[in-house]
N, C-alpha and C. Protein backbone atom coordinates (compact mmCIF):
# COMPACT_ATOMS: atom_id res chain seq x y z
N MET A 1 21.73 12.62 -6.31
CA MET A 1 21.75 12.16 -4.92
C MET A 1 21.51 10.66 -4.85
N LEU A 2 22.11 9.92 -5.72
CA LEU A 2 21.93 8.46 -5.71
C LEU A 2 22.43 7.87 -4.40
N LEU A 3 23.45 8.47 -3.80
CA LEU A 3 23.96 7.98 -2.52
C LEU A 3 22.90 8.06 -1.44
N ALA A 4 22.18 9.18 -1.38
CA ALA A 4 21.14 9.34 -0.36
C ALA A 4 20.05 8.29 -0.52
N GLU A 5 19.60 8.08 -1.74
CA GLU A 5 18.55 7.09 -1.99
C GLU A 5 19.03 5.68 -1.66
N SER A 6 20.28 5.37 -2.01
CA SER A 6 20.83 4.04 -1.71
C SER A 6 20.93 3.80 -0.21
N LEU A 7 21.39 4.79 0.51
CA LEU A 7 21.48 4.66 1.96
C LEU A 7 20.10 4.56 2.60
N LEU A 8 19.15 5.29 2.06
CA LEU A 8 17.77 5.22 2.56
C LEU A 8 17.20 3.82 2.35
N VAL A 9 17.38 3.28 1.16
CA VAL A 9 16.87 1.93 0.88
C VAL A 9 17.55 0.91 1.79
N ALA A 10 18.86 1.04 1.98
CA ALA A 10 19.58 0.12 2.87
C ALA A 10 19.03 0.21 4.30
N THR A 11 18.75 1.43 4.75
CA THR A 11 18.18 1.64 6.09
C THR A 11 16.81 0.98 6.18
N CYS A 12 15.99 1.18 5.16
CA CYS A 12 14.63 0.60 5.17
C CYS A 12 14.67 -0.92 5.10
N VAL A 13 15.62 -1.48 4.34
CA VAL A 13 15.75 -2.94 4.29
C VAL A 13 16.11 -3.48 5.66
N LEU A 14 17.09 -2.87 6.29
CA LEU A 14 17.51 -3.30 7.62
C LEU A 14 16.36 -3.16 8.63
N ALA A 15 15.65 -2.04 8.57
CA ALA A 15 14.52 -1.83 9.47
C ALA A 15 13.42 -2.86 9.23
N ALA A 16 13.15 -3.17 7.97
CA ALA A 16 12.11 -4.15 7.65
C ALA A 16 12.47 -5.54 8.17
N VAL A 17 13.72 -5.93 7.99
CA VAL A 17 14.16 -7.25 8.46
C VAL A 17 14.07 -7.33 9.99
N ILE A 18 14.57 -6.31 10.66
CA ILE A 18 14.55 -6.31 12.13
C ILE A 18 13.10 -6.26 12.63
N ASP A 19 12.28 -5.44 12.02
CA ASP A 19 10.88 -5.33 12.44
C ASP A 19 10.14 -6.65 12.20
N HIS A 20 10.41 -7.29 11.08
CA HIS A 20 9.77 -8.58 10.79
C HIS A 20 10.17 -9.64 11.80
N ARG A 21 11.43 -9.66 12.18
CA ARG A 21 11.94 -10.69 13.11
C ARG A 21 11.64 -10.37 14.57
N ARG A 22 11.82 -9.12 14.97
CA ARG A 22 11.73 -8.76 16.40
C ARG A 22 10.52 -7.92 16.76
N GLY A 23 9.84 -7.36 15.75
CA GLY A 23 8.67 -6.54 16.03
C GLY A 23 9.00 -5.14 16.51
N VAL A 24 10.20 -4.68 16.21
CA VAL A 24 10.62 -3.35 16.65
C VAL A 24 11.64 -2.80 15.65
N ILE A 25 11.60 -1.49 15.46
CA ILE A 25 12.63 -0.81 14.67
C ILE A 25 13.50 -0.06 15.66
N PRO A 26 14.78 -0.43 15.77
CA PRO A 26 15.63 0.18 16.80
C PRO A 26 15.80 1.69 16.62
N ASN A 27 15.80 2.39 17.74
CA ASN A 27 16.02 3.85 17.72
C ASN A 27 17.36 4.19 17.09
N THR A 28 18.39 3.39 17.41
CA THR A 28 19.72 3.69 16.88
C THR A 28 19.73 3.66 15.36
N LEU A 29 18.95 2.77 14.78
CA LEU A 29 18.89 2.69 13.32
C LEU A 29 18.17 3.91 12.74
N ALA A 30 16.98 4.20 13.24
CA ALA A 30 16.18 5.28 12.66
C ALA A 30 16.77 6.66 12.95
N ILE A 31 17.17 6.89 14.18
CA ILE A 31 17.75 8.19 14.53
C ILE A 31 19.13 8.34 13.88
N GLY A 32 19.89 7.25 13.86
CA GLY A 32 21.19 7.28 13.20
C GLY A 32 21.05 7.60 11.71
N ALA A 33 19.99 7.08 11.09
CA ALA A 33 19.76 7.37 9.67
C ALA A 33 19.51 8.85 9.44
N CYS A 34 18.84 9.51 10.38
CA CYS A 34 18.64 10.96 10.26
C CYS A 34 19.99 11.69 10.26
N GLY A 35 20.89 11.25 11.14
CA GLY A 35 22.23 11.83 11.19
C GLY A 35 23.02 11.55 9.92
N VAL A 36 22.91 10.34 9.41
CA VAL A 36 23.60 9.99 8.16
C VAL A 36 23.07 10.85 7.01
N ALA A 37 21.76 11.08 6.99
CA ALA A 37 21.17 11.92 5.95
C ALA A 37 21.77 13.33 5.99
N LEU A 38 21.93 13.87 7.18
CA LEU A 38 22.52 15.20 7.31
C LEU A 38 23.95 15.20 6.78
N VAL A 39 24.72 14.19 7.14
CA VAL A 39 26.12 14.10 6.68
C VAL A 39 26.16 14.00 5.15
N VAL A 40 25.28 13.20 4.57
CA VAL A 40 25.24 13.04 3.11
C VAL A 40 24.91 14.37 2.44
N HIS A 41 23.92 15.08 2.97
CA HIS A 41 23.56 16.37 2.37
C HIS A 41 24.68 17.40 2.50
N VAL A 42 25.32 17.45 3.67
CA VAL A 42 26.40 18.41 3.88
C VAL A 42 27.59 18.08 2.97
N THR A 43 27.96 16.81 2.88
CA THR A 43 29.10 16.45 2.03
C THR A 43 28.79 16.68 0.55
N SER A 44 27.54 16.49 0.15
CA SER A 44 27.22 16.77 -1.26
C SER A 44 27.31 18.28 -1.54
N ALA A 45 26.97 19.10 -0.55
CA ALA A 45 27.08 20.55 -0.72
C ALA A 45 28.54 20.98 -0.74
N LEU A 46 29.39 20.26 -0.01
CA LEU A 46 30.82 20.58 -0.02
C LEU A 46 31.44 20.30 -1.37
N GLY A 47 30.90 19.31 -2.07
CA GLY A 47 31.48 18.91 -3.34
C GLY A 47 31.07 19.79 -4.51
N THR A 48 30.19 20.75 -4.30
CA THR A 48 29.78 21.62 -5.40
C THR A 48 30.48 22.96 -5.28
N PRO A 49 30.83 23.56 -6.41
CA PRO A 49 31.52 24.85 -6.34
C PRO A 49 30.61 25.95 -5.82
N GLY A 50 31.20 26.95 -5.21
CA GLY A 50 30.44 28.09 -4.69
C GLY A 50 30.62 28.21 -3.19
N ASP A 51 29.88 29.12 -2.62
CA ASP A 51 29.99 29.41 -1.20
C ASP A 51 29.19 28.39 -0.39
N PHE A 52 29.89 27.57 0.38
CA PHE A 52 29.25 26.52 1.19
C PHE A 52 28.30 27.11 2.23
N LEU A 53 28.72 28.18 2.87
CA LEU A 53 27.90 28.76 3.94
C LEU A 53 26.57 29.30 3.42
N SER A 54 26.53 29.77 2.19
CA SER A 54 25.27 30.26 1.63
C SER A 54 24.31 29.10 1.33
N ARG A 55 24.84 27.91 1.14
CA ARG A 55 24.00 26.73 0.88
C ARG A 55 23.62 26.01 2.16
N LEU A 56 24.31 26.29 3.26
CA LEU A 56 24.10 25.55 4.51
C LEU A 56 22.69 25.75 5.08
N GLY A 57 22.19 26.99 5.08
CA GLY A 57 20.85 27.27 5.61
C GLY A 57 19.76 26.52 4.87
N PRO A 58 19.69 26.66 3.54
CA PRO A 58 18.67 25.91 2.80
C PRO A 58 18.83 24.40 2.94
N LEU A 59 20.06 23.93 3.02
CA LEU A 59 20.31 22.50 3.18
C LEU A 59 19.76 22.00 4.52
N LEU A 60 20.01 22.74 5.59
CA LEU A 60 19.49 22.36 6.90
C LEU A 60 17.97 22.43 6.92
N LEU A 61 17.40 23.41 6.25
CA LEU A 61 15.94 23.52 6.16
C LEU A 61 15.36 22.34 5.38
N TYR A 62 16.02 21.96 4.31
CA TYR A 62 15.60 20.80 3.51
C TYR A 62 15.62 19.53 4.37
N TRP A 63 16.71 19.34 5.11
CA TRP A 63 16.87 18.15 5.96
C TRP A 63 15.85 18.14 7.10
N ALA A 64 15.79 19.23 7.86
CA ALA A 64 14.90 19.28 9.02
C ALA A 64 13.43 19.36 8.59
N GLY A 65 13.16 20.15 7.56
CA GLY A 65 11.78 20.24 7.06
C GLY A 65 11.28 18.91 6.55
N GLY A 66 12.15 18.18 5.85
CA GLY A 66 11.76 16.86 5.36
C GLY A 66 11.45 15.91 6.51
N ALA A 67 12.32 15.91 7.51
CA ALA A 67 12.11 15.01 8.65
C ALA A 67 10.83 15.37 9.39
N LEU A 68 10.62 16.65 9.65
CA LEU A 68 9.45 17.07 10.42
C LEU A 68 8.14 16.87 9.66
N LEU A 69 8.09 17.30 8.42
CA LEU A 69 6.85 17.17 7.65
C LEU A 69 6.50 15.71 7.36
N THR A 70 7.50 14.91 7.04
CA THR A 70 7.23 13.51 6.74
C THR A 70 6.79 12.76 8.00
N ALA A 71 7.23 13.21 9.16
CA ALA A 71 6.87 12.53 10.41
C ALA A 71 5.59 13.07 11.04
N LEU A 72 4.97 14.09 10.45
CA LEU A 72 3.80 14.71 11.07
C LEU A 72 2.61 13.76 11.17
N VAL A 73 2.18 13.17 10.08
CA VAL A 73 1.05 12.22 10.13
C VAL A 73 1.42 10.99 10.96
N PRO A 74 2.62 10.41 10.79
CA PRO A 74 2.98 9.29 11.67
C PRO A 74 2.98 9.67 13.15
N LEU A 75 3.32 10.92 13.47
CA LEU A 75 3.28 11.36 14.87
C LEU A 75 1.85 11.29 15.41
N LEU A 76 0.91 11.76 14.62
CA LEU A 76 -0.49 11.69 15.04
C LEU A 76 -0.94 10.24 15.20
N LEU A 77 -0.51 9.37 14.30
CA LEU A 77 -0.85 7.95 14.42
C LEU A 77 -0.18 7.31 15.64
N TRP A 78 1.04 7.69 15.90
CA TRP A 78 1.76 7.17 17.07
C TRP A 78 1.05 7.59 18.36
N ARG A 79 0.60 8.83 18.40
CA ARG A 79 -0.11 9.31 19.60
C ARG A 79 -1.41 8.54 19.82
N ARG A 80 -2.00 8.02 18.74
CA ARG A 80 -3.23 7.21 18.85
C ARG A 80 -2.90 5.72 19.00
N ARG A 81 -1.60 5.44 19.12
CA ARG A 81 -1.09 4.06 19.26
C ARG A 81 -1.41 3.19 18.04
N ALA A 82 -1.46 3.84 16.89
CA ALA A 82 -1.74 3.11 15.66
C ALA A 82 -0.45 2.60 15.00
N ILE A 83 0.68 3.25 15.28
CA ILE A 83 1.98 2.77 14.81
C ILE A 83 2.96 2.89 15.97
N GLY A 84 4.09 2.22 15.83
CA GLY A 84 5.10 2.25 16.88
C GLY A 84 6.05 3.44 16.73
N GLY A 85 6.81 3.66 17.79
CA GLY A 85 7.77 4.76 17.79
C GLY A 85 8.88 4.59 16.77
N GLY A 86 9.30 3.35 16.54
CA GLY A 86 10.33 3.10 15.53
C GLY A 86 9.84 3.45 14.13
N ASP A 87 8.56 3.14 13.86
CA ASP A 87 7.98 3.51 12.57
C ASP A 87 7.99 5.03 12.39
N LEU A 88 7.60 5.73 13.45
CA LEU A 88 7.60 7.19 13.42
C LEU A 88 8.99 7.73 13.10
N LYS A 89 10.00 7.23 13.78
CA LYS A 89 11.37 7.72 13.57
C LYS A 89 11.89 7.33 12.19
N LEU A 90 11.45 6.18 11.67
CA LEU A 90 11.86 5.80 10.32
C LEU A 90 11.25 6.75 9.29
N PHE A 91 10.02 7.19 9.50
CA PHE A 91 9.43 8.19 8.62
C PHE A 91 10.23 9.49 8.65
N ALA A 92 10.67 9.88 9.84
CA ALA A 92 11.51 11.09 9.94
C ALA A 92 12.80 10.91 9.14
N ALA A 93 13.39 9.72 9.20
CA ALA A 93 14.61 9.45 8.43
C ALA A 93 14.34 9.52 6.94
N ILE A 94 13.20 9.01 6.51
CA ILE A 94 12.83 9.08 5.09
C ILE A 94 12.77 10.54 4.65
N GLY A 95 12.13 11.37 5.45
CA GLY A 95 12.05 12.79 5.13
C GLY A 95 13.39 13.48 5.18
N ALA A 96 14.25 13.06 6.13
CA ALA A 96 15.58 13.66 6.23
C ALA A 96 16.40 13.36 4.98
N PHE A 97 16.25 12.18 4.43
CA PHE A 97 16.97 11.83 3.21
C PHE A 97 16.36 12.50 1.98
N LEU A 98 15.03 12.48 1.89
CA LEU A 98 14.36 12.88 0.64
C LEU A 98 13.88 14.32 0.61
N GLY A 99 13.84 14.99 1.75
CA GLY A 99 13.32 16.35 1.79
C GLY A 99 11.81 16.36 1.94
N PRO A 100 11.22 17.54 2.10
CA PRO A 100 9.79 17.63 2.39
C PRO A 100 8.87 17.04 1.32
N VAL A 101 9.03 17.44 0.09
CA VAL A 101 8.09 17.02 -0.96
C VAL A 101 8.22 15.53 -1.24
N ARG A 102 9.42 15.08 -1.50
CA ARG A 102 9.60 13.66 -1.82
C ARG A 102 9.34 12.78 -0.60
N GLY A 103 9.60 13.29 0.61
CA GLY A 103 9.30 12.54 1.82
C GLY A 103 7.80 12.35 1.99
N LEU A 104 7.03 13.41 1.73
CA LEU A 104 5.57 13.30 1.80
C LEU A 104 5.03 12.36 0.72
N GLN A 105 5.63 12.42 -0.46
CA GLN A 105 5.21 11.50 -1.52
C GLN A 105 5.47 10.05 -1.10
N ALA A 106 6.64 9.79 -0.52
CA ALA A 106 6.95 8.44 -0.07
C ALA A 106 5.99 7.98 1.01
N SER A 107 5.65 8.87 1.94
CA SER A 107 4.73 8.48 3.01
C SER A 107 3.33 8.20 2.45
N LEU A 108 2.93 8.93 1.41
CA LEU A 108 1.65 8.65 0.77
C LEU A 108 1.63 7.24 0.19
N TYR A 109 2.71 6.86 -0.48
CA TYR A 109 2.80 5.50 -1.00
C TYR A 109 2.78 4.47 0.13
N VAL A 110 3.51 4.74 1.19
CA VAL A 110 3.58 3.81 2.32
C VAL A 110 2.20 3.62 2.93
N PHE A 111 1.49 4.71 3.19
CA PHE A 111 0.18 4.59 3.84
C PHE A 111 -0.86 3.96 2.93
N THR A 112 -0.79 4.24 1.62
CA THR A 112 -1.71 3.59 0.69
C THR A 112 -1.46 2.09 0.68
N LEU A 113 -0.21 1.72 0.57
CA LEU A 113 0.15 0.30 0.60
C LEU A 113 -0.22 -0.32 1.95
N GLY A 114 0.02 0.40 3.03
CA GLY A 114 -0.32 -0.10 4.36
C GLY A 114 -1.81 -0.34 4.52
N ALA A 115 -2.63 0.54 3.95
CA ALA A 115 -4.08 0.35 4.01
C ALA A 115 -4.49 -0.92 3.27
N LEU A 116 -3.88 -1.14 2.11
CA LEU A 116 -4.20 -2.35 1.34
C LEU A 116 -3.75 -3.61 2.08
N VAL A 117 -2.54 -3.58 2.64
CA VAL A 117 -2.04 -4.72 3.40
C VAL A 117 -2.92 -4.95 4.63
N GLY A 118 -3.32 -3.87 5.29
CA GLY A 118 -4.19 -3.99 6.45
C GLY A 118 -5.51 -4.65 6.11
N LEU A 119 -6.09 -4.32 4.97
CA LEU A 119 -7.33 -4.96 4.54
C LEU A 119 -7.13 -6.46 4.32
N VAL A 120 -6.01 -6.81 3.72
CA VAL A 120 -5.71 -8.24 3.50
C VAL A 120 -5.53 -8.96 4.83
N VAL A 121 -4.80 -8.34 5.76
CA VAL A 121 -4.59 -8.95 7.07
C VAL A 121 -5.92 -9.15 7.79
N LEU A 122 -6.77 -8.13 7.77
CA LEU A 122 -8.07 -8.25 8.42
C LEU A 122 -8.93 -9.33 7.76
N ALA A 123 -8.88 -9.40 6.44
CA ALA A 123 -9.66 -10.42 5.73
C ALA A 123 -9.17 -11.82 6.09
N ARG A 124 -7.86 -11.99 6.17
CA ARG A 124 -7.30 -13.32 6.52
C ARG A 124 -7.65 -13.71 7.93
N GLN A 125 -7.81 -12.73 8.82
CA GLN A 125 -8.18 -13.01 10.20
C GLN A 125 -9.68 -13.14 10.38
N GLY A 126 -10.43 -12.90 9.31
CA GLY A 126 -11.87 -12.96 9.40
C GLY A 126 -12.47 -11.77 10.14
N ALA A 127 -11.74 -10.69 10.21
CA ALA A 127 -12.19 -9.52 10.97
C ALA A 127 -12.48 -8.32 10.10
N LEU A 128 -12.49 -8.49 8.79
CA LEU A 128 -12.69 -7.34 7.90
C LEU A 128 -14.09 -6.75 8.07
N GLY A 129 -15.11 -7.59 8.15
CA GLY A 129 -16.48 -7.10 8.30
C GLY A 129 -16.65 -6.29 9.58
N ALA A 130 -16.11 -6.83 10.69
CA ALA A 130 -16.22 -6.12 11.98
C ALA A 130 -15.45 -4.80 11.94
N ALA A 131 -14.29 -4.79 11.27
CA ALA A 131 -13.50 -3.56 11.19
C ALA A 131 -14.21 -2.50 10.35
N LEU A 132 -14.78 -2.91 9.23
CA LEU A 132 -15.52 -1.95 8.40
C LEU A 132 -16.75 -1.43 9.13
N GLU A 133 -17.40 -2.30 9.88
CA GLU A 133 -18.54 -1.88 10.68
C GLU A 133 -18.11 -0.87 11.74
N HIS A 134 -16.95 -1.12 12.36
CA HIS A 134 -16.41 -0.22 13.37
C HIS A 134 -16.09 1.15 12.78
N VAL A 135 -15.48 1.15 11.59
CA VAL A 135 -15.13 2.40 10.92
C VAL A 135 -16.38 3.17 10.54
N SER A 136 -17.36 2.48 9.98
CA SER A 136 -18.58 3.18 9.59
C SER A 136 -19.32 3.70 10.82
N ALA A 137 -19.30 2.93 11.91
CA ALA A 137 -19.94 3.41 13.14
C ALA A 137 -19.24 4.66 13.65
N GLY A 138 -17.91 4.69 13.56
CA GLY A 138 -17.17 5.87 13.99
C GLY A 138 -17.47 7.08 13.13
N ALA A 139 -17.63 6.85 11.83
CA ALA A 139 -17.92 7.95 10.93
C ALA A 139 -19.32 8.51 11.17
N LEU A 140 -20.23 7.64 11.59
CA LEU A 140 -21.61 8.05 11.83
C LEU A 140 -21.87 8.43 13.28
N ARG A 141 -20.83 8.36 14.12
CA ARG A 141 -21.00 8.60 15.56
C ARG A 141 -21.66 9.95 15.88
N PRO A 142 -21.26 11.05 15.23
CA PRO A 142 -21.92 12.33 15.57
C PRO A 142 -23.42 12.31 15.29
N LEU A 143 -23.81 11.70 14.18
CA LEU A 143 -25.23 11.61 13.86
C LEU A 143 -25.94 10.69 14.84
N ARG A 144 -25.32 9.59 15.19
CA ARG A 144 -25.91 8.62 16.12
C ARG A 144 -26.10 9.25 17.50
N ARG A 145 -25.18 10.08 17.92
CA ARG A 145 -25.31 10.75 19.22
C ARG A 145 -26.56 11.63 19.25
N LEU A 146 -26.86 12.24 18.12
CA LEU A 146 -28.05 13.07 18.06
C LEU A 146 -29.33 12.24 18.10
N LEU A 147 -29.28 11.04 17.51
CA LEU A 147 -30.49 10.24 17.37
C LEU A 147 -30.73 9.26 18.51
N GLN A 148 -29.68 8.70 19.09
CA GLN A 148 -29.86 7.70 20.14
C GLN A 148 -28.64 7.61 21.03
N ARG A 149 -28.82 6.91 22.11
CA ARG A 149 -27.70 6.64 23.01
C ARG A 149 -26.97 5.39 22.54
N PRO A 150 -25.63 5.35 22.73
CA PRO A 150 -24.89 4.16 22.31
C PRO A 150 -25.24 2.96 23.19
N ASP A 151 -25.13 1.78 22.62
CA ASP A 151 -25.42 0.53 23.32
C ASP A 151 -24.22 0.15 24.17
N PRO A 152 -24.35 0.16 25.52
CA PRO A 152 -23.20 -0.18 26.37
C PRO A 152 -22.82 -1.66 26.29
N LYS A 153 -23.71 -2.49 25.75
CA LYS A 153 -23.43 -3.93 25.66
C LYS A 153 -22.83 -4.32 24.31
N ALA A 154 -22.54 -3.34 23.48
CA ALA A 154 -21.96 -3.64 22.17
C ALA A 154 -20.57 -4.24 22.35
N PRO A 155 -20.23 -5.27 21.55
CA PRO A 155 -18.93 -5.92 21.72
C PRO A 155 -17.79 -5.01 21.30
N ALA A 156 -16.69 -5.14 22.01
CA ALA A 156 -15.50 -4.35 21.68
C ALA A 156 -14.82 -4.95 20.45
N ILE A 157 -14.21 -4.10 19.67
CA ILE A 157 -13.47 -4.54 18.49
C ILE A 157 -12.02 -4.77 18.91
N GLU A 158 -11.50 -5.94 18.58
CA GLU A 158 -10.10 -6.24 18.89
C GLU A 158 -9.19 -5.48 17.95
N GLU A 159 -8.04 -5.07 18.47
CA GLU A 159 -7.06 -4.40 17.63
C GLU A 159 -6.28 -5.44 16.83
N THR A 160 -5.95 -5.09 15.61
CA THR A 160 -5.11 -5.94 14.77
C THR A 160 -3.78 -5.24 14.60
N TRP A 161 -2.70 -5.91 14.92
CA TRP A 161 -1.38 -5.31 14.86
C TRP A 161 -0.60 -5.95 13.72
N MET A 162 0.01 -5.13 12.90
CA MET A 162 0.88 -5.66 11.86
C MET A 162 2.21 -4.92 11.94
N ARG A 163 3.23 -5.59 11.53
CA ARG A 163 4.56 -4.98 11.52
C ARG A 163 4.65 -4.10 10.28
N PHE A 164 4.96 -2.84 10.51
CA PHE A 164 4.87 -1.83 9.45
C PHE A 164 6.19 -1.64 8.71
N GLY A 165 7.31 -2.11 9.26
CA GLY A 165 8.62 -1.93 8.63
C GLY A 165 8.68 -2.42 7.20
N PRO A 166 8.21 -3.66 6.91
CA PRO A 166 8.23 -4.12 5.52
C PRO A 166 7.39 -3.25 4.59
N THR A 167 6.26 -2.76 5.08
CA THR A 167 5.41 -1.89 4.26
C THR A 167 6.11 -0.56 3.99
N ILE A 168 6.82 -0.04 4.98
CA ILE A 168 7.57 1.20 4.79
C ILE A 168 8.65 0.98 3.73
N LEU A 169 9.31 -0.16 3.77
CA LEU A 169 10.34 -0.47 2.76
C LEU A 169 9.74 -0.48 1.36
N VAL A 170 8.68 -1.24 1.17
CA VAL A 170 8.10 -1.38 -0.17
C VAL A 170 7.53 -0.05 -0.66
N GLY A 171 6.84 0.67 0.20
CA GLY A 171 6.28 1.96 -0.19
C GLY A 171 7.35 2.97 -0.55
N THR A 172 8.43 2.99 0.21
CA THR A 172 9.53 3.91 -0.07
C THR A 172 10.20 3.55 -1.40
N CYS A 173 10.44 2.26 -1.61
CA CYS A 173 11.05 1.83 -2.89
C CYS A 173 10.12 2.13 -4.06
N LEU A 174 8.83 1.97 -3.86
CA LEU A 174 7.86 2.30 -4.91
C LEU A 174 7.92 3.79 -5.24
N ALA A 175 7.98 4.63 -4.21
CA ALA A 175 8.06 6.08 -4.43
C ALA A 175 9.35 6.45 -5.16
N LEU A 176 10.47 5.83 -4.77
CA LEU A 176 11.73 6.11 -5.45
C LEU A 176 11.71 5.62 -6.89
N GLY A 177 11.09 4.47 -7.12
CA GLY A 177 10.98 3.92 -8.47
C GLY A 177 10.12 4.79 -9.36
N VAL A 178 9.02 5.26 -8.83
CA VAL A 178 8.13 6.14 -9.60
C VAL A 178 8.87 7.42 -9.97
N GLN A 179 9.64 7.95 -9.04
CA GLN A 179 10.41 9.16 -9.31
C GLN A 179 11.50 8.87 -10.36
N LEU A 180 12.13 7.73 -10.26
CA LEU A 180 13.19 7.36 -11.20
C LEU A 180 12.65 7.25 -12.61
N VAL A 181 11.48 6.66 -12.74
CA VAL A 181 10.87 6.51 -14.05
C VAL A 181 10.30 7.83 -14.56
N GLY A 182 9.96 8.72 -13.64
CA GLY A 182 9.47 10.04 -14.03
C GLY A 182 7.98 10.14 -14.09
N ILE A 183 7.26 9.19 -13.46
CA ILE A 183 5.79 9.25 -13.43
C ILE A 183 5.37 10.31 -12.42
N ARG A 184 4.39 11.09 -12.78
CA ARG A 184 3.89 12.11 -11.84
C ARG A 184 2.45 11.85 -11.52
């Protein structure tokens, strides 16, 4: 399926460039990529000998299952306004091309890389200490509720926004490269 991987990388490159320049991943690109993935999978099934209709069900399950499972965590993040809608749809496209298992592997690489990039961005902005304090306070919130009331005068933590398209590109390429080399 070298065609599927090549088209996926091309989609991610285009999404990364547009996201870097405009701060948005267009719906037409991400949703269109899901459609292209379906066409690629169907045409590859047509090219193999045997009964096409018997392969159609598993193929559709592979395509839809990949899109849905790969987009599950990004959906939760999108609902919390942690990532944009274009990022969410691009994750669905990654799953549509790669299927459930490889799509989840790619998203693991993307999120790991995104966490590292996020730490660097926060450090460069001088906000890493405040962010770590905020995270630790959130983790200890249930215990703190039992012990004391929260301080209403505590300063609010500013949100840090980064464009995720380039990180999705690099993480996806890393996942494909690891698979190509055969590292598990």
